Amino acid sequence: MSTPDTPACSTSTQIPPAPPDAWKTTGVRVIPSTSLDANTAQTPGMDRAAAINLARVGAQKLWAGTVHIHPDAKTGAHHHGHLESVIYVVKGRARMRWGEHLEFTAEAGPGDFIFVPPYVPHQEINASADETLECVLVRSDSEAVAVNLPDLEPVERPEGVRWVDPTHPS
């Protein structure tokens, strides 16, 4: 949100001072898909790999990586503490369950985004019996928080939920 002191779009053409060659090593970083780091917080049923975090690139305010869920597999119930999460579906169909007893459900396909607020218990399910679900995952802090909830008892039949855009209701 912009205020008189903080415009929404800066018109400044000044570049912050930096020592010679600093931009070379501290500027833009390209992380090849072959160098993702699986040594990150994991949840049963999925394989996460970090691309962007504090340790790898010095990111202060976000974590980004990939997640793969095998055909017909589902994760354990979990949440990500104080972090907001965004999941972008690259390939496959994601079925999400969420709530105190995973009582709500929705599906997402290639090109869809999923938003998970802080502390929301949820479960990712690969809705396909023969295709790996591939997603890009971004979180609002450089921490890799995954709080597994092995004692959560899910309801048998979750309620389907369809998102309605509050800024463009139909």
Protein backbone atom coordinates (compact mmCIF):
# COMPACT_ATOMS: atom_id res chain seq x y z
CA MET A 1 0.00 0.00 0.00
CA SER A 2 1.42 3.40 -0.91
CA THR A 3 1.47 6.47 1.32
CA PRO A 4 2.79 9.97 0.63
CA ASP A 5 6.13 8.87 2.12
CA THR A 6 6.30 5.49 0.37
CA PRO A 7 5.05 5.56 -3.21
CA ALA A 8 3.85 2.30 -4.75
CA CYS A 9 6.40 2.61 -7.54
CA SER A 10 9.74 4.27 -6.91
CA THR A 11 10.96 6.76 -9.49
CA SER A 12 14.49 6.89 -8.09
CA THR A 13 17.27 6.18 -10.57
CA GLN A 14 19.95 5.95 -7.89
CA ILE A 15 21.78 2.66 -7.40
CA PRO A 16 22.92 1.87 -3.85
CA PRO A 17 26.70 2.13 -3.39
CA ALA A 18 28.63 -1.14 -3.63
CA PRO A 19 32.30 -2.08 -3.72
CA PRO A 20 33.74 -2.97 -7.14
CA ASP A 21 32.60 -6.41 -8.35
CA ALA A 22 30.12 -6.74 -5.43
CA TRP A 23 27.21 -7.09 -7.84
CA LYS A 24 28.99 -10.00 -9.49
CA THR A 25 28.84 -12.13 -6.32
CA THR A 26 25.93 -10.57 -4.42
CA GLY A 27 23.64 -9.54 -7.28
CA VAL A 28 21.41 -11.85 -9.28
CA ARG A 29 21.91 -15.58 -8.67
CA VAL A 30 20.76 -18.37 -10.99
CA ILE A 31 20.33 -21.67 -9.18
CA PRO A 32 20.42 -24.58 -11.65
CA SER A 33 17.71 -27.20 -11.21
CA THR A 34 20.48 -29.79 -10.84
CA SER A 35 21.82 -28.13 -7.67
CA LEU A 36 18.71 -28.01 -5.46
CA ASP A 37 19.30 -29.05 -1.84
CA ALA A 38 17.16 -31.88 -0.38
CA ASN A 39 18.66 -31.22 3.06
CA THR A 40 15.61 -29.23 4.19
CA ALA A 41 12.57 -29.80 6.43
CA GLN A 42 10.59 -32.77 5.09
CA THR A 43 7.09 -34.16 5.55
CA PRO A 44 6.27 -37.84 4.94
CA GLY A 45 4.91 -38.43 1.42
CA MET A 46 6.77 -35.63 -0.37
CA ASP A 47 10.27 -34.66 -1.43
CA ARG A 48 11.19 -30.99 -0.91
CA ALA A 49 14.36 -29.37 -2.29
CA ALA A 50 15.58 -25.85 -1.50
CA ALA A 51 16.72 -23.45 -4.19
CA ILE A 52 16.62 -20.12 -2.34
CA ASN A 53 17.24 -19.65 1.40
CA LEU A 54 19.52 -17.81 3.79
CA ALA A 55 22.33 -20.38 3.70
CA ARG A 56 22.41 -20.80 -0.08
CA VAL A 57 22.00 -17.23 -1.37
CA GLY A 58 21.57 -14.99 1.69
CA ALA A 59 17.79 -14.58 1.27
CA GLN A 60 16.43 -12.81 4.34
CA LYS A 61 12.67 -12.87 3.73
CA LEU A 62 11.80 -15.95 1.69
CA TRP A 63 12.43 -19.61 1.03
CA ALA A 64 11.83 -21.13 -2.41
CA GLY A 65 12.19 -24.60 -3.77
CA THR A 66 10.42 -27.54 -5.35
CA VAL A 67 8.20 -30.31 -4.09
CA HIS A 68 7.44 -33.65 -5.73
CA ILE A 69 4.64 -35.96 -4.61
CA HIS A 70 4.61 -39.46 -6.06
CA PRO A 71 1.55 -40.82 -7.90
CA ASP A 72 -1.39 -41.60 -5.60
CA ALA A 73 0.61 -40.41 -2.57
CA LYS A 74 -0.40 -37.99 0.16
CA THR A 75 1.60 -36.12 2.74
CA GLY A 76 1.11 -36.28 6.46
CA ALA A 77 -0.87 -33.45 8.02
CA HIS A 78 1.38 -30.49 8.84
CA HIS A 79 1.62 -26.69 9.02
CA HIS A 80 4.41 -24.17 8.49
CA GLY A 81 4.24 -22.16 11.71
CA HIS A 82 4.23 -18.38 11.23
CA LEU A 83 5.04 -18.63 7.52
CA GLU A 84 2.77 -17.92 4.56
CA SER A 85 3.22 -20.41 1.71
CA VAL A 86 2.54 -20.23 -2.01
CA ILE A 87 2.45 -23.39 -4.12
CA TYR A 88 2.53 -23.16 -7.93
CA VAL A 89 1.48 -26.36 -9.72
CA VAL A 90 3.84 -27.12 -12.61
CA LYS A 91 2.65 -30.63 -13.52
CA GLY A 92 -0.10 -32.92 -12.26
CA ARG A 93 -3.15 -32.35 -10.03
CA ALA A 94 -2.88 -31.25 -6.42
CA ARG A 95 -5.70 -32.00 -4.01
CA MET A 96 -5.38 -29.94 -0.84
CA ARG A 97 -7.09 -30.75 2.43
CA TRP A 98 -7.02 -28.29 5.31
CA GLY A 99 -8.62 -27.36 8.61
CA GLU A 100 -8.53 -28.59 12.19
CA HIS A 101 -9.56 -32.05 10.95
CA LEU A 102 -8.68 -31.61 7.25
CA GLU A 103 -12.39 -31.06 6.71
CA PHE A 104 -12.05 -28.87 3.60
CA THR A 105 -10.71 -29.76 0.15
CA ALA A 106 -9.93 -28.15 -3.22
CA GLU A 107 -7.98 -29.16 -6.33
CA ALA A 108 -5.43 -27.28 -8.41
CA GLY A 109 -3.85 -28.10 -11.77
CA PRO A 110 -0.95 -26.86 -13.91
CA GLY A 111 -0.68 -23.07 -13.79
CA ASP A 112 -2.77 -22.74 -10.60
CA PHE A 113 -1.52 -21.12 -7.40
CA ILE A 114 -2.35 -22.28 -3.87
CA PHE A 115 -2.05 -19.96 -0.83
CA VAL A 116 -1.61 -21.46 2.65
CA PRO A 117 -1.84 -18.96 5.56
CA PRO A 118 0.25 -19.35 8.74
CA TYR A 119 -0.55 -22.22 11.12
CA VAL A 120 -3.23 -23.79 8.86
CA PRO A 121 -3.08 -27.59 9.18
CA HIS A 122 -3.05 -29.04 5.67
CA GLN A 123 -2.24 -32.06 3.56
CA GLU A 124 -1.12 -32.26 -0.07
CA ILE A 125 -2.41 -35.18 -2.12
CA ASN A 126 -1.38 -36.21 -5.62
CA ALA A 127 -4.78 -36.69 -7.30
CA SER A 128 -3.21 -38.77 -10.10
CA ALA A 129 -2.51 -42.49 -9.92
CA ASP A 130 0.18 -42.38 -12.62
CA GLU A 131 1.78 -38.90 -12.76
CA THR A 132 4.16 -37.26 -10.28
CA LEU A 133 2.86 -33.95 -8.91
CA GLU A 134 5.51 -31.24 -9.43
CA CYS A 135 5.23 -27.84 -7.74
CA VAL A 136 7.25 -24.73 -6.95
CA LEU A 137 7.01 -23.68 -3.32
CA VAL A 138 7.69 -20.21 -1.85
CA ARG A 139 7.50 -19.26 1.84
CA SER A 140 7.58 -15.89 3.55
CA ASP A 141 10.81 -16.40 5.52
CA SER A 142 14.18 -18.01 4.89
CA GLU A 143 13.39 -20.69 7.51
CA ALA A 144 12.29 -24.16 6.41
CA VAL A 145 9.51 -24.71 8.97
CA ALA A 146 7.46 -27.92 8.75
CA VAL A 147 5.50 -28.92 11.86
CA ASN A 148 4.22 -32.46 11.31
CA LEU A 149 0.89 -33.32 12.97
CA PRO A 150 0.83 -37.14 13.25
CA ASP A 151 -2.06 -37.16 15.77
CA LEU A 152 -4.47 -35.13 13.62
CA GLU A 153 -7.61 -37.20 12.91
CA PRO A 154 -9.03 -36.27 9.47
CA VAL A 155 -12.74 -36.34 8.69
CA GLU A 156 -13.84 -39.09 6.33
CA ARG A 157 -15.58 -36.85 3.77
CA PRO A 158 -14.14 -33.33 3.44
CA GLU A 159 -16.26 -30.46 2.11
CA GLY A 160 -15.29 -29.12 -1.33
CA VAL A 161 -14.46 -25.41 -1.37
CA ARG A 162 -14.28 -23.11 -4.41
CA TRP A 163 -12.27 -19.89 -4.08
CA VAL A 164 -14.06 -16.64 -4.93
CA ASP A 165 -11.88 -13.61 -5.75
CA PRO A 166 -12.98 -10.83 -3.35
CA THR A 167 -11.55 -8.18 -5.69
CA HIS A 168 -13.35 -9.47 -8.80
CA PRO A 169 -16.48 -11.36 -7.66
CA SER A 170 -18.49 -12.86 -10.49
